[in-house]
Amino acid sequence: MRDDGEWFAPKRFGLGAGRPIAWQGWALIAGFIAVTAIAAFFLGEHHRPLFIIVVVIGALALSVISAKHTRGGWKWRWGGEE
Protein backbone atom coordinates (compact mmCIF):
# COMPACT_ATOMS: atom_id res chain seq x y z
CA MET A 1 0.00 0.00 0.00
CA ARG A 2 1.18 3.48 -0.87
CA ASP A 3 0.88 6.73 1.03
CA ASP A 4 1.33 9.37 -1.68
CA GLY A 5 -2.17 10.88 -1.67
CA GLU A 6 -3.58 8.42 -4.19
CA TRP A 7 -6.33 6.33 -2.65
CA PHE A 8 -7.95 4.95 -5.80
CA ALA A 9 -6.74 3.52 -9.08
CA PRO A 10 -8.27 5.08 -12.19
CA LYS A 11 -11.01 3.23 -14.04
CA ARG A 12 -9.79 1.60 -17.21
CA PHE A 13 -12.90 2.57 -19.18
CA GLY A 14 -15.09 5.60 -18.54
CA LEU A 15 -15.02 8.33 -15.93
CA GLY A 16 -14.40 7.99 -12.21
CA ALA A 17 -12.43 6.08 -9.64
CA GLY A 18 -11.65 2.39 -9.72
CA ARG A 19 -10.81 0.14 -6.81
CA PRO A 20 -9.12 1.46 -3.65
CA ILE A 21 -5.32 1.10 -3.59
CA ALA A 22 -4.70 2.51 -0.11
CA TRP A 23 -6.21 1.96 3.30
CA GLN A 24 -7.73 5.45 3.19
CA GLY A 25 -9.80 4.50 0.14
CA TRP A 26 -11.07 1.36 1.83
CA ALA A 27 -11.86 3.37 4.98
CA LEU A 28 -13.76 5.96 2.93
CA ILE A 29 -15.92 3.29 1.30
CA ALA A 30 -16.46 1.51 4.64
CA GLY A 31 -17.48 4.81 6.21
CA PHE A 32 -20.00 5.50 3.46
CA ILE A 33 -21.49 2.03 3.84
CA ALA A 34 -21.63 2.43 7.63
CA VAL A 35 -23.33 5.83 7.44
CA THR A 36 -25.87 4.48 4.95
CA ALA A 37 -26.59 1.39 7.07
CA ILE A 38 -26.93 3.40 10.27
CA ALA A 39 -29.22 5.91 8.57
CA ALA A 40 -31.35 3.06 7.18
CA PHE A 41 -31.59 1.46 10.61
CA PHE A 42 -32.50 4.62 12.53
CA LEU A 43 -34.51 6.49 9.91
CA GLY A 44 -36.13 3.54 8.16
CA GLU A 45 -39.59 3.79 6.65
CA HIS A 46 -40.83 6.68 8.76
CA HIS A 47 -38.25 9.29 7.70
CA ARG A 48 -37.64 8.37 4.07
CA PRO A 49 -36.95 11.99 2.84
CA LEU A 50 -34.31 12.48 5.53
CA PHE A 51 -32.75 9.11 4.67
CA ILE A 52 -32.54 10.11 1.00
CA ILE A 53 -30.89 13.41 1.95
CA VAL A 54 -28.30 11.60 4.10
CA VAL A 55 -27.49 9.13 1.30
CA VAL A 56 -27.23 11.86 -1.37
CA ILE A 57 -24.93 14.00 0.78
CA GLY A 58 -22.80 10.94 1.57
CA ALA A 59 -22.57 9.98 -2.10
CA LEU A 60 -21.58 13.52 -3.08
CA ALA A 61 -18.90 13.57 -0.38
CA LEU A 62 -17.64 10.16 -1.52
CA SER A 63 -17.49 11.38 -5.13
CA VAL A 64 -15.66 14.62 -4.34
CA ILE A 65 -13.10 12.97 -2.06
CA SER A 66 -12.45 10.07 -4.44
CA ALA A 67 -12.08 12.49 -7.37
CA LYS A 68 -9.36 14.36 -5.48
CA HIS A 69 -7.52 11.15 -4.56
CA THR A 70 -7.64 9.14 -7.79
CA ARG A 71 -4.35 8.50 -9.56
CA GLY A 72 -4.34 10.82 -12.59
CA GLY A 73 -7.63 12.43 -11.61
CA TRP A 74 -11.02 11.83 -13.12
CA LYS A 75 -11.04 11.94 -16.88
CA TRP A 76 -12.58 9.85 -19.62
CA ARG A 77 -10.51 6.76 -20.35
CA TRP A 78 -10.81 4.48 -23.37
CA GLY A 79 -8.91 1.46 -22.03
CA GLY A 80 -5.39 2.39 -23.14
CA GLU A 81 -2.34 2.52 -20.94
CA GLU A 82 -1.35 5.86 -19.45
PDB file of N, CA and C in Angstrom:
ATOM      1  N   MET A   1       0.835  -1.171   0.000  1.00  0.00           N
ATOM      2  CA  MET A   1       0.000   0.000   0.000  1.00  0.00           C
ATOM      3  C   MET A   1       0.887   1.243   0.000  1.00  0.00           C
ATOM      4  N   ARG A   2       0.393   2.253  -0.726  1.00  0.00           N
ATOM      5  CA  ARG A   2       1.177   3.475  -0.872  1.00  0.00           C
ATOM      6  C   ARG A   2       0.579   4.591  -0.031  1.00  0.00           C
ATOM      7  N   ASP A   3       1.370   5.591   0.276  1.00  0.00           N
ATOM      8  CA  ASP A   3       0.880   6.731   1.030  1.00  0.00           C
ATOM      9  C   ASP A   3       1.321   8.021   0.346  1.00  0.00           C
ATOM     10  N   ASP A   4       0.935   8.185  -0.920  1.00  0.00           N
ATOM     11  CA  ASP A   4       1.330   9.368  -1.684  1.00  0.00           C
ATOM     12  C   ASP A   4       0.140  10.235  -2.074  1.00  0.00           C
ATOM     13  N   GLY A   5      -0.996  10.091  -1.387  1.00  0.00           N
ATOM     14  CA  GLY A   5      -2.174  10.884  -1.671  1.00  0.00           C
ATOM     15  C   GLY A   5      -3.113  10.239  -2.667  1.00  0.00           C
ATOM     16  N   GLU A   6      -2.718   9.120  -3.250  1.00  0.00           N
ATOM     17  CA  GLU A   6      -3.581   8.422  -4.194  1.00  0.00           C
ATOM     18  C   GLU A   6      -4.258   7.268  -3.476  1.00  0.00           C
ATOM     19  N   TRP A   7      -5.574   7.337  -3.375  1.00  0.00           N
ATOM     20  CA  TRP A   7      -6.328   6.328  -2.648  1.00  0.00           C
ATOM     21  C   TRP A   7      -7.018   5.357  -3.578  1.00  0.00           C
ATOM     22  N   PHE A   8      -7.221   5.770  -4.847  1.00  0.00           N
ATOM     23  CA  PHE A   8      -7.949   4.953  -5.802  1.00  0.00           C
ATOM     24  C   PHE A   8      -7.187   4.851  -7.112  1.00  0.00           C
ATOM     25  N   ALA A   9      -7.276   3.692  -7.739  1.00  0.00           N
ATOM     26  CA  ALA A   9      -6.738   3.520  -9.084  1.00  0.00           C
ATOM     27  C   ALA A   9      -7.755   4.105 -10.061  1.00  0.00           C
ATOM     28  N   PRO A  10      -7.300   4.568 -11.215  1.00  0.00           N
ATOM     29  CA  PRO A  10      -8.269   5.077 -12.193  1.00  0.00           C
ATOM     30  C   PRO A  10      -9.036   3.932 -12.836  1.00  0.00           C
ATOM     31  N   LYS A  11     -10.250   4.228 -13.285  1.00  0.00           N
ATOM     32  CA  LYS A  11     -11.009   3.235 -14.036  1.00  0.00           C
ATOM     33  C   LYS A  11     -10.328   3.040 -15.389  1.00  0.00           C
ATOM     34  N   ARG A  12     -10.400   1.859 -15.912  1.00  0.00           N
ATOM     35  CA  ARG A  12      -9.792   1.600 -17.210  1.00  0.00           C
ATOM     36  C   ARG A  12     -10.653   2.154 -18.346  1.00  0.00           C
ATOM     37  N   PHE A  13     -11.960   2.042 -18.195  1.00  0.00           N
ATOM     38  CA  PHE A  13     -12.904   2.571 -19.176  1.00  0.00           C
ATOM     39  C   PHE A  13     -13.852   3.529 -18.477  1.00  0.00           C
ATOM     40  N   GLY A  14     -14.107   4.672 -19.071  1.00  0.00           N
ATOM     41  CA  GLY A  14     -15.091   5.601 -18.538  1.00  0.00           C
ATOM     42  C   GLY A  14     -14.501   6.638 -17.611  1.00  0.00           C
ATOM     43  N   LEU A  15     -15.366   7.224 -16.811  1.00  0.00           N
ATOM     44  CA  LEU A  15     -15.018   8.327 -15.933  1.00  0.00           C
ATOM     45  C   LEU A  15     -15.181   7.895 -14.483  1.00  0.00           C
ATOM     46  N   GLY A  16     -14.240   8.260 -13.642  1.00  0.00           N
ATOM     47  CA  GLY A  16     -14.398   7.987 -12.213  1.00  0.00           C
ATOM     48  C   GLY A  16     -13.230   7.236 -11.618  1.00  0.00           C
ATOM     49  N   ALA A  17     -13.452   6.798 -10.387  1.00  0.00           N
ATOM     50  CA  ALA A  17     -12.427   6.079  -9.640  1.00  0.00           C
ATOM     51  C   ALA A  17     -12.660   4.581  -9.748  1.00  0.00           C
ATOM     52  N   GLY A  18     -11.574   3.839  -9.725  1.00  0.00           N
ATOM     53  CA  GLY A  18     -11.650   2.388  -9.722  1.00  0.00           C
ATOM     54  C   GLY A  18     -11.585   1.864  -8.301  1.00  0.00           C
ATOM     55  N   ARG A  19     -10.883   0.764  -8.132  1.00  0.00           N
ATOM     56  CA  ARG A  19     -10.807   0.136  -6.815  1.00  0.00           C
ATOM     57  C   ARG A  19      -9.842   0.896  -5.907  1.00  0.00           C
ATOM     58  N   PRO A  20     -10.042   0.813  -4.598  1.00  0.00           N
ATOM     59  CA  PRO A  20      -9.123   1.461  -3.650  1.00  0.00           C
ATOM     60  C   PRO A  20      -7.737   0.802  -3.710  1.00  0.00           C
ATOM     61  N   ILE A  21      -6.692   1.615  -3.607  1.00  0.00           N
ATOM     62  CA  ILE A  21      -5.324   1.101  -3.595  1.00  0.00           C
ATOM     63  C   ILE A  21      -4.593   1.461  -2.300  1.00  0.00           C
ATOM     64  N   ALA A  22      -5.282   2.135  -1.398  1.00  0.00           N
ATOM     65  CA  ALA A  22      -4.697   2.514  -0.109  1.00  0.00           C
ATOM     66  C   ALA A  22      -5.742   2.301   0.982  1.00  0.00           C
ATOM     67  N   TRP A  23      -5.280   2.209   2.205  1.00  0.00           N
ATOM     68  CA  TRP A  23      -6.207   1.958   3.304  1.00  0.00           C
ATOM     69  C   TRP A  23      -7.223   3.086   3.452  1.00  0.00           C
ATOM     70  N   GLN A  24      -6.815   4.315   3.075  1.00  0.00           N
ATOM     71  CA  GLN A  24      -7.733   5.445   3.191  1.00  0.00           C
ATOM     72  C   GLN A  24      -8.939   5.282   2.261  1.00  0.00           C
ATOM     73  N   GLY A  25      -8.704   4.744   1.069  1.00  0.00           N
ATOM     74  CA  GLY A  25      -9.802   4.499   0.138  1.00  0.00           C
ATOM     75  C   GLY A  25     -10.772   3.466   0.682  1.00  0.00           C
ATOM     76  N   TRP A  26     -10.210   2.385   1.233  1.00  0.00           N
ATOM     77  CA  TRP A  26     -11.069   1.356   1.835  1.00  0.00           C
ATOM     78  C   TRP A  26     -11.840   1.924   3.019  1.00  0.00           C
ATOM     79  N   ALA A  27     -11.187   2.761   3.823  1.00  0.00           N
ATOM     80  CA  ALA A  27     -11.860   3.371   4.978  1.00  0.00           C
ATOM     81  C   ALA A  27     -12.963   4.323   4.526  1.00  0.00           C
ATOM     82  N   LEU A  28     -12.737   5.052   3.452  1.00  0.00           N
ATOM     83  CA  LEU A  28     -13.756   5.957   2.929  1.00  0.00           C
ATOM     84  C   LEU A  28     -14.994   5.185   2.485  1.00  0.00           C
ATOM     85  N   ILE A  29     -14.793   4.107   1.760  1.00  0.00           N
ATOM     86  CA  ILE A  29     -15.920   3.293   1.303  1.00  0.00           C
ATOM     87  C   ILE A  29     -16.629   2.635   2.494  1.00  0.00           C
ATOM     88  N   ALA A  30     -15.860   2.120   3.450  1.00  0.00           N
ATOM     89  CA  ALA A  30     -16.461   1.510   4.639  1.00  0.00           C
ATOM     90  C   ALA A  30     -17.267   2.542   5.429  1.00  0.00           C
ATOM     91  N   GLY A  31     -16.758   3.754   5.521  1.00  0.00           N
ATOM     92  CA  GLY A  31     -17.483   4.814   6.212  1.00  0.00           C
ATOM     93  C   GLY A  31     -18.793   5.161   5.522  1.00  0.00           C
ATOM     94  N   PHE A  32     -18.769   5.223   4.200  1.00  0.00           N
ATOM     95  CA  PHE A  32     -19.999   5.498   3.458  1.00  0.00           C
ATOM     96  C   PHE A  32     -21.027   4.392   3.680  1.00  0.00           C
ATOM     97  N   ILE A  33     -20.578   3.154   3.616  1.00  0.00           N
ATOM     98  CA  ILE A  33     -21.488   2.028   3.844  1.00  0.00           C
ATOM     99  C   ILE A  33     -22.031   2.059   5.264  1.00  0.00           C
ATOM    100  N   ALA A  34     -21.187   2.371   6.239  1.00  0.00           N
ATOM    101  CA  ALA A  34     -21.626   2.430   7.635  1.00  0.00           C
ATOM    102  C   ALA A  34     -22.653   3.543   7.846  1.00  0.00           C
ATOM    103  N   VAL A  35     -22.391   4.717   7.290  1.00  0.00           N
ATOM    104  CA  VAL A  35     -23.334   5.830   7.442  1.00  0.00           C
ATOM    105  C   VAL A  35     -24.674   5.482   6.808  1.00  0.00           C
ATOM    106  N   THR A  36     -24.636   4.864   5.627  1.00  0.00           N
ATOM    107  CA  THR A  36     -25.868   4.480   4.949  1.00  0.00           C
ATOM    108  C   THR A  36     -26.639   3.431   5.758  1.00  0.00           C
ATOM    109  N   ALA A  37     -25.931   2.435   6.280  1.00  0.00           N
ATOM    110  CA  ALA A  37     -26.587   1.386   7.067  1.00  0.00           C
ATOM    111  C   ALA A  37     -27.173   1.938   8.360  1.00  0.00           C
ATOM    112  N   ILE A  38     -26.431   2.806   9.030  1.00  0.00           N
ATOM    113  CA  ILE A  38     -26.926   3.395  10.268  1.00  0.00           C
ATOM    114  C   ILE A  38     -28.141   4.278  10.003  1.00  0.00           C
ATOM    115  N   ALA A  39     -28.073   5.063   8.927  1.00  0.00           N
ATOM    116  CA  ALA A  39     -29.224   5.910   8.575  1.00  0.00           C
ATOM    117  C   ALA A  39     -30.434   5.053   8.235  1.00  0.00           C
ATOM    118  N   ALA A  40     -30.230   3.953   7.528  1.00  0.00           N
ATOM    119  CA  ALA A  40     -31.345   3.065   7.182  1.00  0.00           C
ATOM    120  C   ALA A  40     -31.955   2.454   8.440  1.00  0.00           C
ATOM    121  N   PHE A  41     -31.109   2.079   9.383  1.00  0.00           N
ATOM    122  CA  PHE A  41     -31.594   1.464  10.612  1.00  0.00           C
ATOM    123  C   PHE A  41     -32.397   2.447  11.459  1.00  0.00           C
ATOM    124  N   PHE A  42     -31.854   3.666  11.638  1.00  0.00           N
ATOM    125  CA  PHE A  42     -32.502   4.618  12.531  1.00  0.00           C
ATOM    126  C   PHE A  42     -33.621   5.420  11.869  1.00  0.00           C
ATOM    127  N   LEU A  43     -33.499   5.683  10.580  1.00  0.00           N
ATOM    128  CA  LEU A  43     -34.514   6.490   9.910  1.00  0.00           C
ATOM    129  C   LEU A  43     -35.601   5.632   9.295  1.00  0.00           C
ATOM    130  N   GLY A  44     -35.192   4.524   8.685  1.00  0.00           N
ATOM    131  CA  GLY A  44     -36.127   3.539   8.157  1.00  0.00           C
ATOM    132  C   GLY A  44     -37.253   4.092   7.314  1.00  0.00           C
ATOM    133  N   GLU A  45     -38.417   3.462   7.456  1.00  0.00           N
ATOM    134  CA  GLU A  45     -39.592   3.792   6.646  1.00  0.00           C
ATOM    135  C   GLU A  45     -40.221   5.133   7.027  1.00  0.00           C
ATOM    136  N   HIS A  46     -40.093   5.520   8.273  1.00  0.00           N
ATOM    137  CA  HIS A  46     -40.835   6.681   8.757  1.00  0.00           C
ATOM    138  C   HIS A  46     -40.220   8.016   8.356  1.00  0.00           C
ATOM    139  N   HIS A  47     -38.942   8.037   8.043  1.00  0.00           N
ATOM    140  CA  HIS A  47     -38.250   9.287   7.702  1.00  0.00           C
ATOM    141  C   HIS A  47     -37.534   9.146   6.368  1.00  0.00           C
ATOM    142  N   ARG A  48     -38.239   8.640   5.367  1.00  0.00           N
ATOM    143  CA  ARG A  48     -37.636   8.375   4.073  1.00  0.00           C
ATOM    144  C   ARG A  48     -36.979   9.616   3.435  1.00  0.00           C
ATOM    145  N   PRO A  49     -37.609  10.817   3.447  1.00  0.00           N
ATOM    146  CA  PRO A  49     -36.950  11.989   2.840  1.00  0.00           C
ATOM    147  C   PRO A  49     -35.614  12.326   3.510  1.00  0.00           C
ATOM    148  N   LEU A  50     -35.562  12.217   4.817  1.00  0.00           N
ATOM    149  CA  LEU A  50     -34.308  12.484   5.532  1.00  0.00           C
ATOM    150  C   LEU A  50     -33.257  11.434   5.182  1.00  0.00           C
ATOM    151  N   PHE A  51     -33.677  10.177   5.069  1.00  0.00           N
ATOM    152  CA  PHE A  51     -32.749   9.112   4.675  1.00  0.00           C
ATOM    153  C   PHE A  51     -32.168   9.394   3.290  1.00  0.00           C
ATOM    154  N   ILE A  52     -33.007   9.804   2.356  1.00  0.00           N
ATOM    155  CA  ILE A  52     -32.537  10.112   1.001  1.00  0.00           C
ATOM    156  C   ILE A  52     -31.538  11.263   1.026  1.00  0.00           C
ATOM    157  N   ILE A  53     -31.809  12.271   1.839  1.00  0.00           N
ATOM    158  CA  ILE A  53     -30.890  13.408   1.953  1.00  0.00           C
ATOM    159  C   ILE A  53     -29.541  12.948   2.494  1.00  0.00           C
ATOM    160  N   VAL A  54     -29.553  12.104   3.519  1.00  0.00           N
ATOM    161  CA  VAL A  54     -28.297  11.597   4.100  1.00  0.00           C
ATOM    162  C   VAL A  54     -27.508  10.807   3.060  1.00  0.00           C
ATOM    163  N   VAL A  55     -28.172   9.948   2.299  1.00  0.00           N
ATOM    164  CA  VAL A  55     -27.487   9.129   1.300  1.00  0.00           C
ATOM    165  C   VAL A  55     -26.939  10.000   0.166  1.00  0.00           C
ATOM    166  N   VAL A  56     -27.694  10.980  -0.286  1.00  0.00           N
ATOM    167  CA  VAL A  56     -27.232  11.856  -1.367  1.00  0.00           C
ATOM    168  C   VAL A  56     -26.023  12.673  -0.920  1.00  0.00           C
ATOM    169  N   ILE A  57     -26.072  13.233   0.272  1.00  0.00           N
ATOM    170  CA  ILE A  57     -24.926  14.000   0.782  1.00  0.00           C
ATOM    171  C   ILE A  57     -23.705  13.099   0.946  1.00  0.00           C
ATOM    172  N   GLY A  58     -23.916  11.885   1.439  1.00  0.00           N
ATOM    173  CA  GLY A  58     -22.804  10.940   1.571  1.00  0.00           C
ATOM    174  C   GLY A  58     -22.213  10.555   0.226  1.00  0.00           C
ATOM    175  N   ALA A  59     -23.063  10.341  -0.770  1.00  0.00           N
ATOM    176  CA  ALA A  59     -22.572   9.980  -2.102  1.00  0.00           C
ATOM    177  C   ALA A  59     -21.814  11.138  -2.744  1.00  0.00           C
ATOM    178  N   LEU A  60     -22.300  12.355  -2.553  1.00  0.00           N
ATOM    179  CA  LEU A  60     -21.575  13.520  -3.080  1.00  0.00           C
ATOM    180  C   LEU A  60     -20.212  13.671  -2.409  1.00  0.00           C
ATOM    181  N   ALA A  61     -20.174  13.488  -1.095  1.00  0.00           N
ATOM    182  CA  ALA A  61     -18.900  13.568  -0.379  1.00  0.00           C
ATOM    183  C   ALA A  61     -17.944  12.471  -0.853  1.00  0.00           C
ATOM    184  N   LEU A  62     -18.455  11.266  -1.013  1.00  0.00           N
ATOM    185  CA  LEU A  62     -17.643  10.160  -1.521  1.00  0.00           C
ATOM    186  C   LEU A  62     -17.094  10.485  -2.909  1.00  0.00           C
ATOM    187  N   SER A  63     -17.919  11.043  -3.769  1.00  0.00           N
ATOM    188  CA  SER A  63     -17.491  11.381  -5.133  1.00  0.00           C
ATOM    189  C   SER A  63     -16.417  12.459  -5.140  1.00  0.00           C
ATOM    190  N   VAL A  64     -16.622  13.515  -4.367  1.00  0.00           N
ATOM    191  CA  VAL A  64     -15.659  14.618  -4.344  1.00  0.00           C
ATOM    192  C   VAL A  64     -14.313  14.156  -3.779  1.00  0.00           C
ATOM    193  N   ILE A  65     -14.352  13.423  -2.685  1.00  0.00           N
ATOM    194  CA  ILE A  65     -13.101  12.968  -2.065  1.00  0.00           C
ATOM    195  C   ILE A  65     -12.377  11.981  -2.971  1.00  0.00           C
ATOM    196  N   SER A  66     -13.112  11.041  -3.566  1.00  0.00           N
ATOM    197  CA  SER A  66     -12.447  10.069  -4.441  1.00  0.00           C
ATOM    198  C   SER A  66     -11.923  10.732  -5.709  1.00  0.00           C
ATOM    199  N   ALA A  67     -12.579  11.773  -6.194  1.00  0.00           N
ATOM    200  CA  ALA A  67     -12.077  12.493  -7.373  1.00  0.00           C
ATOM    201  C   ALA A  67     -10.742  13.164  -7.069  1.00  0.00           C
ATOM    202  N   LYS A  68     -10.605  13.682  -5.857  1.00  0.00           N
ATOM    203  CA  LYS A  68      -9.357  14.359  -5.479  1.00  0.00           C
ATOM    204  C   LYS A  68      -8.211  13.381  -5.211  1.00  0.00           C
ATOM    205  N   HIS A  69      -8.552  12.121  -4.942  1.00  0.00           N
ATOM    206  CA  HIS A  69      -7.525  11.151  -4.559  1.00  0.00           C
ATOM    207  C   HIS A  69      -7.424   9.966  -5.524  1.00  0.00           C
ATOM    208  N   THR A  70      -7.785  10.180  -6.773  1.00  0.00           N
ATOM    209  CA  THR A  70      -7.640   9.142  -7.790  1.00  0.00           C
ATOM    210  C   THR A  70      -6.369   9.407  -8.588  1.00  0.00           C
ATOM    211  N   ARG A  71      -5.587   8.376  -8.798  1.00  0.00           N
ATOM    212  CA  ARG A  71      -4.348   8.497  -9.556  1.00  0.00           C
ATOM    213  C   ARG A  71      -4.660   9.041 -10.959  1.00  0.00           C
ATOM    214  N   GLY A  72      -4.109  10.205 -11.289  1.00  0.00           N
ATOM    215  CA  GLY A  72      -4.335  10.815 -12.595  1.00  0.00           C
ATOM    216  C   GLY A  72      -5.626  11.611 -12.689  1.00  0.00           C
ATOM    217  N   GLY A  73      -6.380  11.684 -11.608  1.00  0.00           N
ATOM    218  CA  GLY A  73      -7.630  12.435 -11.607  1.00  0.00           C
ATOM    219  C   GLY A  73      -8.734  11.742 -12.381  1.00  0.00           C
ATOM    220  N   TRP A  74      -9.881  12.365 -12.378  1.00  0.00           N
ATOM    221  CA  TRP A  74     -11.019  11.826 -13.121  1.00  0.00           C
ATOM    222  C   TRP A  74     -11.002  12.396 -14.525  1.00  0.00           C
ATOM    223  N   LYS A  75     -10.908  11.557 -15.485  1.00  0.00           N
ATOM    224  CA  LYS A  75     -11.045  11.940 -16.884  1.00  0.00           C
ATOM    225  C   LYS A  75     -11.523  10.720 -17.648  1.00  0.00           C
ATOM    226  N   TRP A  76     -12.069  10.946 -18.825  1.00  0.00           N
ATOM    227  CA  TRP A  76     -12.584   9.846 -19.617  1.00  0.00           C
ATOM    228  C   TRP A  76     -11.432   8.972 -20.104  1.00  0.00           C
ATOM    229  N   ARG A  77     -11.547   7.690 -19.913  1.00  0.00           N
ATOM    230  CA  ARG A  77     -10.510   6.762 -20.353  1.00  0.00           C
ATOM    231  C   ARG A  77     -11.120   5.744 -21.322  1.00  0.00           C
ATOM    232  N   TRP A  78     -10.349   5.382 -22.329  1.00  0.00           N
ATOM    233  CA  TRP A  78     -10.811   4.482 -23.369  1.00  0.00           C
ATOM    234  C   TRP A  78     -10.186   3.100 -23.263  1.00  0.00           C
ATOM    235  N   GLY A  79      -9.465   2.796 -22.221  1.00  0.00           N
ATOM    236  CA  GLY A  79      -8.905   1.460 -22.026  1.00  0.00           C
ATOM    237  C   GLY A  79      -7.430   1.366 -22.340  1.00  0.00           C
ATOM    238  N   GLY A  80      -6.813   2.418 -22.823  1.00  0.00           N
ATOM    239  CA  GLY A  80      -5.386   2.389 -23.135  1.00  0.00           C
ATOM    240  C   GLY A  80      -4.530   2.589 -21.898  1.00  0.00           C
ATOM    241  N   GLU A  81      -3.289   2.310 -22.042  1.00  0.00           N
ATOM    242  CA  GLU A  81      -2.339   2.516 -20.936  1.00  0.00           C
ATOM    243  C   GLU A  81      -1.969   3.988 -20.854  1.00  0.00           C
ATOM    244  N   GLU A  82      -1.761   4.473 -19.630  1.00  0.00           N
ATOM    245  CA  GLU A  82      -1.345   5.862 -19.451  1.00  0.00           C
ATOM    246  C   GLU A  82       0.110   5.932 -19.108  1.00  0.00           C
TER     247      GLU A  82
END
